[in-house]
Amino acid sequence: MNEGVKKNQSLRKALRIIEEMTLLEGPARLQDIAKRLSMAPSTVLRFLNTYIDFGYVKQDPETSFYFLTLKLSDLGARNKAHFPYQRILAKYVKEISKSYNESASLCIESDMQMVYIVTEDGPRHMLQTLQRIGRVAPMHATGVGKLHLMNYSEARLNELFLKRGFPRLTAHTLTTLEQVKQEIGEVKKRDYALDDEECEEGVRCIAVPIRDYTNNVIAGISLSAPLTRLDIRKTNEIIQSLQDIKIRASQELGWSQASSVEPEAK
């Protein structure tokens, strides 16, 4: 075994120990950590002592139990502040647009509104919608907006209503708090959102949430097309494709099935 492989195996062990310790409900004995990992206590101890040197782990002087410090949280916060969401997720927007020859977008929330940060026009169907980079859209009338409303507590939703209102954009727009609350409940059940002519007449939008390691929705990817090109069968097919993209994209941002417990609404 060459030196490169030895270093790689050591790194694998180091990462496994850190990840396992994040799953502990509290400080733990060396023997218990080693047992969970099926590693020799002497091996785990060497790594723990190194973590202590770098400030990632502390040992309780009274019980000798080990626990992670918040240094990892600090690293995560710094990384999140500079994470290239746009570059990482843009390829998924291109993928879904190319697959169905329709317009697709990536949106994030800013100041209780949706902002389009990546857009792709369908190569054969140039849909003349309002979806353009930098364009701001309301949350209550867009598929991507409804996805982000899953993060909202009732108090936060009331704040949105007072600040932005739910203006009627088309004959199909949801304009009352009760309607929007009911719609959010449906979106949570199916984990995708529809905009059926609620933002633009004659246009249907299908959107899926992109989540990070906290399980919060941090972006939305959507596909839009005229109703004439989106019958029920085509819509269902696109939903399945977007659900697959949702999982792959979210995993790139640290989401996993283990983190999929519903977070506390903001």
C-alpha atoms as a PDB file:
ATOM      1  CA  MET A   1       0.000   0.000   0.000  1.00  0.00           C
ATOM      2  CA  ASN A   2       1.534   3.318  -1.033  1.00  0.00           C
ATOM      3  CA  GLU A   3       1.689   6.433   1.104  1.00  0.00           C
ATOM      4  CA  GLY A   4      -1.099   8.150  -0.822  1.00  0.00           C
ATOM      5  CA  VAL A   5      -3.580   5.362  -0.023  1.00  0.00           C
ATOM      6  CA  LYS A   6      -2.574   5.385   3.664  1.00  0.00           C
ATOM      7  CA  LYS A   7      -3.322   9.099   3.913  1.00  0.00           C
ATOM      8  CA  ASN A   8      -6.645   8.604   2.169  1.00  0.00           C
ATOM      9  CA  GLN A   9      -7.672   5.846   4.590  1.00  0.00           C
ATOM     10  CA  SER A  10      -6.738   8.028   7.552  1.00  0.00           C
ATOM     11  CA  LEU A  11      -8.841  10.855   6.206  1.00  0.00           C
ATOM     12  CA  ARG A  12     -11.787   8.502   5.743  1.00  0.00           C
ATOM     13  CA  LYS A  13     -11.528   7.483   9.403  1.00  0.00           C
ATOM     14  CA  ALA A  14     -11.233  11.099  10.519  1.00  0.00           C
ATOM     15  CA  LEU A  15     -14.350  12.108   8.614  1.00  0.00           C
ATOM     16  CA  ARG A  16     -16.320   9.085   9.816  1.00  0.00           C
ATOM     17  CA  ILE A  17     -15.553   9.955  13.442  1.00  0.00           C
ATOM     18  CA  ILE A  18     -16.613  13.587  13.007  1.00  0.00           C
ATOM     19  CA  GLU A  19     -19.828  12.628  11.209  1.00  0.00           C
ATOM     20  CA  GLU A  20     -20.712  10.006  13.816  1.00  0.00           C
ATOM     21  CA  MET A  21     -20.140  12.460  16.664  1.00  0.00           C
ATOM     22  CA  THR A  22     -22.630  14.884  15.100  1.00  0.00           C
ATOM     23  CA  LEU A  23     -25.273  12.172  15.556  1.00  0.00           C
ATOM     24  CA  LEU A  24     -24.624  11.743  19.286  1.00  0.00           C
ATOM     25  CA  GLU A  25     -27.298  13.169  21.559  1.00  0.00           C
ATOM     26  CA  GLY A  26     -24.665  14.378  24.027  1.00  0.00           C
ATOM     27  CA  PRO A  27     -21.126  13.796  25.317  1.00  0.00           C
ATOM     28  CA  ALA A  28     -20.010  10.166  25.000  1.00  0.00           C
ATOM     29  CA  ARG A  29     -17.357   7.806  26.330  1.00  0.00           C
ATOM     30  CA  LEU A  30     -14.426   6.824  24.154  1.00  0.00           C
ATOM     31  CA  GLN A  31     -15.535   3.184  24.231  1.00  0.00           C
ATOM     32  CA  ASP A  32     -19.060   4.059  23.066  1.00  0.00           C
ATOM     33  CA  ILE A  33     -17.791   6.183  20.160  1.00  0.00           C
ATOM     34  CA  ALA A  34     -15.417   3.416  19.110  1.00  0.00           C
ATOM     35  CA  LYS A  35     -18.167   0.800  19.309  1.00  0.00           C
ATOM     36  CA  ARG A  36     -20.505   2.853  17.105  1.00  0.00           C
ATOM     37  CA  LEU A  37     -17.753   3.083  14.502  1.00  0.00           C
ATOM     38  CA  SER A  38     -16.479  -0.492  14.870  1.00  0.00           C
ATOM     39  CA  MET A  39     -12.996   0.914  15.442  1.00  0.00           C
ATOM     40  CA  ALA A  40     -10.376   0.184  18.072  1.00  0.00           C
ATOM     41  CA  PRO A  41     -10.567   2.645  21.006  1.00  0.00           C
ATOM     42  CA  SER A  42      -6.848   3.357  20.638  1.00  0.00           C
ATOM     43  CA  THR A  43      -7.404   4.442  17.019  1.00  0.00           C
ATOM     44  CA  VAL A  44     -10.339   6.683  17.897  1.00  0.00           C
ATOM     45  CA  LEU A  45      -8.379   8.199  20.786  1.00  0.00           C
ATOM     46  CA  ARG A  46      -5.566   9.326  18.466  1.00  0.00           C
ATOM     47  CA  PHE A  47      -8.045  11.190  16.295  1.00  0.00           C
ATOM     48  CA  LEU A  48      -9.883  12.677  19.279  1.00  0.00           C
ATOM     49  CA  ASN A  49      -6.642  14.043  20.701  1.00  0.00           C
ATOM     50  CA  THR A  50      -5.883  15.688  17.352  1.00  0.00           C
ATOM     51  CA  TYR A  51      -9.373  17.194  17.234  1.00  0.00           C
ATOM     52  CA  ILE A  52      -8.808  18.569  20.743  1.00  0.00           C
ATOM     53  CA  ASP A  53      -5.527  20.179  19.614  1.00  0.00           C
ATOM     54  CA  PHE A  54      -7.409  21.984  16.823  1.00  0.00           C
ATOM     55  CA  GLY A  55     -10.399  22.952  18.959  1.00  0.00           C
ATOM     56  CA  TYR A  56     -13.011  20.700  17.336  1.00  0.00           C
ATOM     57  CA  VAL A  57     -13.516  18.417  20.350  1.00  0.00           C
ATOM     58  CA  LYS A  58     -13.517  18.930  24.109  1.00  0.00           C
ATOM     59  CA  GLN A  59     -13.273  16.391  26.924  1.00  0.00           C
ATOM     60  CA  ASP A  60     -15.291  16.940  30.080  1.00  0.00           C
ATOM     61  CA  PRO A  61     -12.719  16.874  32.918  1.00  0.00           C
ATOM     62  CA  GLU A  62     -15.229  15.408  35.377  1.00  0.00           C
ATOM     63  CA  THR A  63     -16.709  12.580  33.285  1.00  0.00           C
ATOM     64  CA  SER A  64     -13.955  12.170  30.637  1.00  0.00           C
ATOM     65  CA  PHE A  65     -16.735  12.186  28.015  1.00  0.00           C
ATOM     66  CA  TYR A  66     -16.019  13.706  24.596  1.00  0.00           C
ATOM     67  CA  PHE A  67     -18.166  16.185  22.647  1.00  0.00           C
ATOM     68  CA  LEU A  68     -17.880  18.376  19.550  1.00  0.00           C
ATOM     69  CA  THR A  69     -17.377  22.109  20.001  1.00  0.00           C
ATOM     70  CA  LEU A  70     -19.147  24.687  17.835  1.00  0.00           C
ATOM     71  CA  LYS A  71     -16.064  25.237  15.683  1.00  0.00           C
ATOM     72  CA  LEU A  72     -17.610  23.122  12.923  1.00  0.00           C
ATOM     73  CA  SER A  73     -20.671  25.373  12.999  1.00  0.00           C
ATOM     74  CA  ASP A  74     -18.417  28.398  12.550  1.00  0.00           C
ATOM     75  CA  LEU A  75     -16.728  26.787   9.556  1.00  0.00           C
ATOM     76  CA  GLY A  76     -20.122  25.915   8.072  1.00  0.00           C
ATOM     77  CA  ALA A  77     -21.423  29.461   8.503  1.00  0.00           C
ATOM     78  CA  ARG A  78     -18.354  30.931   6.813  1.00  0.00           C
ATOM     79  CA  ASN A  79     -18.599  28.446   3.961  1.00  0.00           C
ATOM     80  CA  LYS A  80     -22.331  29.079   3.521  1.00  0.00           C
ATOM     81  CA  ALA A  81     -21.758  32.836   3.258  1.00  0.00           C
ATOM     82  CA  HIS A  82     -19.537  32.317   0.210  1.00  0.00           C
ATOM     83  CA  PHE A  83     -21.103  29.186  -1.258  1.00  0.00           C
ATOM     84  CA  PRO A  84     -21.536  29.431  -5.068  1.00  0.00           C
ATOM     85  CA  TYR A  85     -25.211  28.431  -5.212  1.00  0.00           C
ATOM     86  CA  GLN A  86     -25.658  29.935  -8.643  1.00  0.00           C
ATOM     87  CA  ARG A  87     -22.725  28.092 -10.216  1.00  0.00           C
ATOM     88  CA  ILE A  88     -23.507  24.773  -8.510  1.00  0.00           C
ATOM     89  CA  LEU A  89     -27.211  24.744  -9.415  1.00  0.00           C
ATOM     90  CA  ALA A  90     -27.139  26.332 -12.872  1.00  0.00           C
ATOM     91  CA  LYS A  91     -26.411  22.987 -14.545  1.00  0.00           C
ATOM     92  CA  TYR A  92     -29.714  21.583 -13.273  1.00  0.00           C
ATOM     93  CA  VAL A  93     -31.621  24.495 -14.791  1.00  0.00           C
ATOM     94  CA  LYS A  94     -29.927  23.822 -18.119  1.00  0.00           C
ATOM     95  CA  GLU A  95     -30.640  20.082 -17.815  1.00  0.00           C
ATOM     96  CA  ILE A  96     -34.393  20.425 -17.313  1.00  0.00           C
ATOM     97  CA  SER A  97     -34.699  23.117 -20.000  1.00  0.00           C
ATOM     98  CA  LYS A  98     -32.858  20.972 -22.539  1.00  0.00           C
ATOM     99  CA  SER A  99     -34.831  17.839 -21.628  1.00  0.00           C
ATOM    100  CA  TYR A 100     -38.211  19.419 -22.345  1.00  0.00           C
ATOM    101  CA  ASN A 101     -37.341  22.313 -24.684  1.00  0.00           C
ATOM    102  CA  GLU A 102     -38.979  24.770 -22.317  1.00  0.00           C
ATOM    103  CA  SER A 103     -37.935  27.696 -20.138  1.00  0.00           C
ATOM    104  CA  ALA A 104     -36.424  26.906 -16.731  1.00  0.00           C
ATOM    105  CA  SER A 105     -35.274  29.088 -13.848  1.00  0.00           C
ATOM    106  CA  LEU A 106     -33.427  29.117 -10.548  1.00  0.00           C
ATOM    107  CA  CYS A 107     -34.821  31.489  -7.919  1.00  0.00           C
ATOM    108  CA  ILE A 108     -33.938  32.553  -4.390  1.00  0.00           C
ATOM    109  CA  GLU A 109     -35.788  34.620  -1.799  1.00  0.00           C
ATOM    110  CA  SER A 110     -34.712  38.167  -1.028  1.00  0.00           C
ATOM    111  CA  ASP A 111     -36.669  40.553   1.199  1.00  0.00           C
ATOM    112  CA  MET A 112     -39.853  38.473   0.964  1.00  0.00           C
ATOM    113  CA  GLN A 113     -39.752  38.354  -2.824  1.00  0.00           C
ATOM    114  CA  MET A 114     -38.421  35.900  -5.379  1.00  0.00           C
ATOM    115  CA  VAL A 115     -35.401  36.814  -7.485  1.00  0.00           C
ATOM    116  CA  TYR A 116     -34.513  34.984 -10.706  1.00  0.00           C
ATOM    117  CA  ILE A 117     -30.749  34.340 -10.690  1.00  0.00           C
ATOM    118  CA  VAL A 118     -30.453  31.788 -13.521  1.00  0.00           C
ATOM    119  CA  THR A 119     -32.750  31.376 -16.531  1.00  0.00           C
ATOM    120  CA  GLU A 120     -32.649  29.129 -19.587  1.00  0.00           C
ATOM    121  CA  ASP A 121     -34.908  29.567 -22.613  1.00  0.00           C
ATOM    122  CA  GLY A 122     -36.135  26.377 -24.238  1.00  0.00           C
ATOM    123  CA  PRO A 123     -34.056  25.757 -27.382  1.00  0.00           C
ATOM    124  CA  ARG A 124     -37.127  25.281 -29.581  1.00  0.00           C
ATOM    125  CA  HIS A 125     -39.834  27.137 -27.694  1.00  0.00           C
ATOM    126  CA  MET A 126     -38.857  30.684 -26.778  1.00  0.00           C
ATOM    127  CA  LEU A 127     -41.483  31.377 -24.135  1.00  0.00           C
ATOM    128  CA  GLN A 128     -41.822  35.131 -23.781  1.00  0.00           C
ATOM    129  CA  THR A 129     -42.466  35.202 -20.044  1.00  0.00           C
ATOM    130  CA  LEU A 130     -41.317  37.672 -17.425  1.00  0.00           C
ATOM    131  CA  GLN A 131     -38.609  35.272 -16.252  1.00  0.00           C
ATOM    132  CA  ARG A 132     -35.391  37.197 -16.654  1.00  0.00           C
ATOM    133  CA  ILE A 133     -32.280  37.329 -14.480  1.00  0.00           C
ATOM    134  CA  GLY A 134     -32.733  39.929 -11.750  1.00  0.00           C
ATOM    135  CA  ARG A 135     -36.496  40.043 -12.140  1.00  0.00           C
ATOM    136  CA  VAL A 136     -38.409  40.150  -8.851  1.00  0.00           C
ATOM    137  CA  ALA A 137     -41.670  38.218  -8.447  1.00  0.00           C
ATOM    138  CA  PRO A 138     -44.206  37.827  -5.619  1.00  0.00           C
ATOM    139  CA  MET A 139     -44.071  34.746  -3.415  1.00  0.00           C
ATOM    140  CA  HIS A 140     -47.797  33.994  -3.280  1.00  0.00           C
ATOM    141  CA  ALA A 141     -48.266  33.762  -7.071  1.00  0.00           C
ATOM    142  CA  THR A 142     -45.206  31.774  -8.162  1.00  0.00           C
ATOM    143  CA  GLY A 143     -44.286  28.125  -7.793  1.00  0.00           C
ATOM    144  CA  VAL A 144     -40.821  28.963  -6.445  1.00  0.00           C
ATOM    145  CA  GLY A 145     -42.342  31.450  -4.032  1.00  0.00           C
ATOM    146  CA  LYS A 146     -44.765  28.904  -2.613  1.00  0.00           C
ATOM    147  CA  LEU A 147     -41.823  26.551  -2.011  1.00  0.00           C
ATOM    148  CA  HIS A 148     -40.040  29.157   0.099  1.00  0.00           C
ATOM    149  CA  LEU A 149     -43.229  29.820   2.044  1.00  0.00           C
ATOM    150  CA  MET A 150     -42.809  26.301   3.491  1.00  0.00           C
ATOM    151  CA  ASN A 151     -40.042  27.888   5.605  1.00  0.00           C
ATOM    152  CA  TYR A 152     -42.459  30.460   7.037  1.00  0.00           C
ATOM    153  CA  SER A 153     -44.163  30.341  10.407  1.00  0.00           C
ATOM    154  CA  GLU A 154     -47.720  31.679  10.675  1.00  0.00           C
ATOM    155  CA  ALA A 155     -46.369  34.905  12.186  1.00  0.00           C
ATOM    156  CA  ARG A 156     -43.914  35.316   9.333  1.00  0.00           C
ATOM    157  CA  LEU A 157     -46.661  34.694   6.778  1.00  0.00           C
ATOM    158  CA  ASN A 158     -48.810  37.364   8.432  1.00  0.00           C
ATOM    159  CA  GLU A 159     -45.834  39.721   8.240  1.00  0.00           C
ATOM    160  CA  LEU A 160     -45.512  38.993   4.508  1.00  0.00           C
ATOM    161  CA  PHE A 161     -49.201  39.771   3.994  1.00  0.00           C
ATOM    162  CA  LEU A 162     -48.904  43.089   5.818  1.00  0.00           C
ATOM    163  CA  LYS A 163     -45.703  44.074   4.028  1.00  0.00           C
ATOM    164  CA  ARG A 164     -46.369  42.897   0.475  1.00  0.00           C
ATOM    165  CA  GLY A 165     -50.024  41.958   0.345  1.00  0.00           C
ATOM    166  CA  PHE A 166     -51.263  39.273  -2.044  1.00  0.00           C
ATOM    167  CA  PRO A 167     -52.097  41.359  -5.133  1.00  0.00           C
ATOM    168  CA  ARG A 168     -54.213  39.842  -7.887  1.00  0.00           C
ATOM    169  CA  LEU A 169     -52.075  39.360 -11.019  1.00  0.00           C
ATOM    170  CA  THR A 170     -54.538  37.219 -12.967  1.00  0.00           C
ATOM    171  CA  ALA A 171     -58.009  35.801 -12.468  1.00  0.00           C
ATOM    172  CA  HIS A 172     -56.367  32.721 -10.887  1.00  0.00           C
ATOM    173  CA  THR A 173     -54.162  34.434  -8.284  1.00  0.00           C
ATOM    174  CA  LEU A 174     -54.612  33.460  -4.624  1.00  0.00           C
ATOM    175  CA  THR A 175     -55.285  36.715  -2.800  1.00  0.00           C
ATOM    176  CA  THR A 176     -56.306  35.836   0.774  1.00  0.00           C
ATOM    177  CA  LEU A 177     -54.312  34.553   3.739  1.00  0.00           C
ATOM    178  CA  GLU A 178     -56.595  31.552   4.058  1.00  0.00           C
ATOM    179  CA  GLN A 179     -56.095  30.569   0.406  1.00  0.00           C
ATOM    180  CA  VAL A 180     -52.324  30.891   0.647  1.00  0.00           C
ATOM    181  CA  LYS A 181     -52.166  28.921   3.908  1.00  0.00           C
ATOM    182  CA  GLN A 182     -54.194  26.116   2.353  1.00  0.00           C
ATOM    183  CA  GLU A 183     -51.933  26.115  -0.704  1.00  0.00           C
ATOM    184  CA  ILE A 184     -48.780  25.908   1.446  1.00  0.00           C
ATOM    185  CA  GLY A 185     -50.262  22.864   3.161  1.00  0.00           C
ATOM    186  CA  GLU A 186     -50.767  21.167  -0.212  1.00  0.00           C
ATOM    187  CA  VAL A 187     -47.231  22.057  -1.314  1.00  0.00           C
ATOM    188  CA  LYS A 188     -45.817  20.517   1.878  1.00  0.00           C
ATOM    189  CA  LYS A 189     -47.728  17.280   1.237  1.00  0.00           C
ATOM    190  CA  ARG A 190     -46.460  16.770  -2.324  1.00  0.00           C
ATOM    191  CA  ASP A 191     -43.115  18.651  -2.037  1.00  0.00           C
ATOM    192  CA  TYR A 192     -43.518  20.529  -5.295  1.00  0.00           C
ATOM    193  CA  ALA A 193     -45.523  23.585  -6.293  1.00  0.00           C
ATOM    194  CA  LEU A 194     -47.636  24.641  -9.239  1.00  0.00           C
ATOM    195  CA  ASP A 195     -48.437  28.061 -10.597  1.00  0.00           C
ATOM    196  CA  ASP A 196     -51.495  27.597 -12.803  1.00  0.00           C
ATOM    197  CA  GLU A 197     -51.848  30.950 -14.538  1.00  0.00           C
ATOM    198  CA  GLU A 198     -51.522  32.679 -11.158  1.00  0.00           C
ATOM    199  CA  CYS A 199     -48.664  34.924 -12.226  1.00  0.00           C
ATOM    200  CA  GLU A 200     -49.138  35.058 -16.003  1.00  0.00           C
ATOM    201  CA  GLU A 201     -52.203  34.214 -18.084  1.00  0.00           C
ATOM    202  CA  GLY A 202     -51.814  31.069 -20.162  1.00  0.00           C
ATOM    203  CA  VAL A 203     -48.629  29.875 -18.424  1.00  0.00           C
ATOM    204  CA  ARG A 204     -48.155  26.939 -16.071  1.00  0.00           C
ATOM    205  CA  CYS A 205     -45.080  26.616 -13.862  1.00  0.00           C
ATOM    206  CA  ILE A 206     -43.856  23.500 -12.019  1.00  0.00           C
ATOM    207  CA  ALA A 207     -41.301  24.047  -9.255  1.00  0.00           C
ATOM    208  CA  VAL A 208     -39.332  21.895  -6.805  1.00  0.00           C
ATOM    209  CA  PRO A 209     -37.449  22.927  -3.653  1.00  0.00           C
ATOM    210  CA  ILE A 210     -33.685  22.758  -3.274  1.00  0.00           C
ATOM    211  CA  ARG A 211     -32.681  22.175   0.348  1.00  0.00           C
ATOM    212  CA  ASP A 212     -29.412  22.414   2.236  1.00  0.00           C
ATOM    213  CA  TYR A 213     -28.130  20.456   5.240  1.00  0.00           C
ATOM    214  CA  THR A 214     -30.659  22.185   7.534  1.00  0.00           C
ATOM    215  CA  ASN A 215     -33.555  20.867   5.384  1.00  0.00           C
ATOM    216  CA  ASN A 216     -34.679  24.446   4.747  1.00  0.00           C
ATOM    217  CA  VAL A 217     -35.613  25.491   1.224  1.00  0.00           C
ATOM    218  CA  ILE A 218     -32.796  27.739  -0.029  1.00  0.00           C
ATOM    219  CA  ALA A 219     -33.709  27.874  -3.736  1.00  0.00           C
ATOM    220  CA  GLY A 220     -36.299  26.700  -6.223  1.00  0.00           C
ATOM    221  CA  ILE A 221     -35.937  25.281  -9.715  1.00  0.00           C
ATOM    222  CA  SER A 222     -38.902  25.646 -12.039  1.00  0.00           C
ATOM    223  CA  LEU A 223     -40.010  24.853 -15.570  1.00  0.00           C
ATOM    224  CA  SER A 224     -42.563  27.073 -17.318  1.00  0.00           C
ATOM    225  CA  ALA A 225     -44.566  26.563 -20.500  1.00  0.00           C
ATOM    226  CA  PRO A 226     -47.858  27.550 -22.113  1.00  0.00           C
ATOM    227  CA  LEU A 227     -50.803  25.435 -20.982  1.00  0.00           C
ATOM    228  CA  THR A 228     -51.168  24.211 -24.557  1.00  0.00           C
ATOM    229  CA  ARG A 229     -47.868  22.326 -24.169  1.00  0.00           C
ATOM    230  CA  LEU A 230     -48.435  21.098 -20.617  1.00  0.00           C
ATOM    231  CA  ASP A 231     -51.275  18.606 -20.471  1.00  0.00           C
ATOM    232  CA  ILE A 232     -51.712  16.378 -17.390  1.00  0.00           C
ATOM    233  CA  ARG A 233     -49.535  13.543 -18.719  1.00  0.00           C
ATOM    234  CA  LYS A 234     -46.691  15.894 -19.676  1.00  0.00           C
ATOM    235  CA  THR A 235     -46.993  17.723 -16.363  1.00  0.00           C
ATOM    236  CA  ASN A 236     -46.690  14.466 -14.400  1.00  0.00           C
ATOM    237  CA  GLU A 237     -43.640  13.445 -16.435  1.00  0.00           C
ATOM    238  CA  ILE A 238     -41.932  16.764 -15.753  1.00  0.00           C
ATOM    239  CA  ILE A 239     -42.750  16.541 -12.043  1.00  0.00           C
ATOM    240  CA  GLN A 240     -40.949  13.175 -11.855  1.00  0.00           C
ATOM    241  CA  SER A 241     -37.890  14.606 -13.623  1.00  0.00           C
ATOM    242  CA  LEU A 242     -37.839  17.648 -11.365  1.00  0.00           C
ATOM    243  CA  GLN A 243     -38.153  15.468  -8.258  1.00  0.00           C
ATOM    244  CA  ASP A 244     -35.015  13.610  -9.341  1.00  0.00           C
ATOM    245  CA  ILE A 245     -33.196  16.895  -9.917  1.00  0.00           C
ATOM    246  CA  LYS A 246     -34.404  18.129  -6.519  1.00  0.00           C
ATOM    247  CA  ILE A 247     -32.702  15.215  -4.766  1.00  0.00           C
ATOM    248  CA  ARG A 248     -29.447  15.438  -6.718  1.00  0.00           C
ATOM    249  CA  ALA A 249     -29.161  19.209  -6.346  1.00  0.00           C
ATOM    250  CA  SER A 250     -30.017  19.147  -2.634  1.00  0.00           C
ATOM    251  CA  GLN A 251     -27.439  16.448  -1.977  1.00  0.00           C
ATOM    252  CA  GLU A 252     -24.789  18.726  -3.476  1.00  0.00           C
ATOM    253  CA  LEU A 253     -25.732  21.279  -0.814  1.00  0.00           C
ATOM    254  CA  GLY A 254     -25.348  18.806   2.055  1.00  0.00           C
ATOM    255  CA  TRP A 255     -28.944  17.613   2.309  1.00  0.00           C
ATOM    256  CA  SER A 256     -29.500  13.976   3.191  1.00  0.00           C
ATOM    257  CA  GLN A 257     -32.425  11.798   4.172  1.00  0.00           C
ATOM    258  CA  ALA A 258     -31.165  11.999   7.762  1.00  0.00           C
ATOM    259  CA  SER A 259     -31.645  15.795   7.704  1.00  0.00           C
ATOM    260  CA  SER A 260     -35.149  15.610   6.261  1.00  0.00           C
ATOM    261  CA  VAL A 261     -36.957  16.149   9.580  1.00  0.00           C
ATOM    262  CA  GLU A 262     -39.092  19.240   9.039  1.00  0.00           C
ATOM    263  CA  PRO A 263     -37.221  22.276  10.401  1.00  0.00           C
ATOM    264  CA  GLU A 264     -38.833  24.838  12.676  1.00  0.00           C
ATOM    265  CA  ALA A 265     -40.527  27.502  10.574  1.00  0.00           C
ATOM    266  CA  LYS A 266     -39.036  30.970  10.748  1.00  0.00           C
END
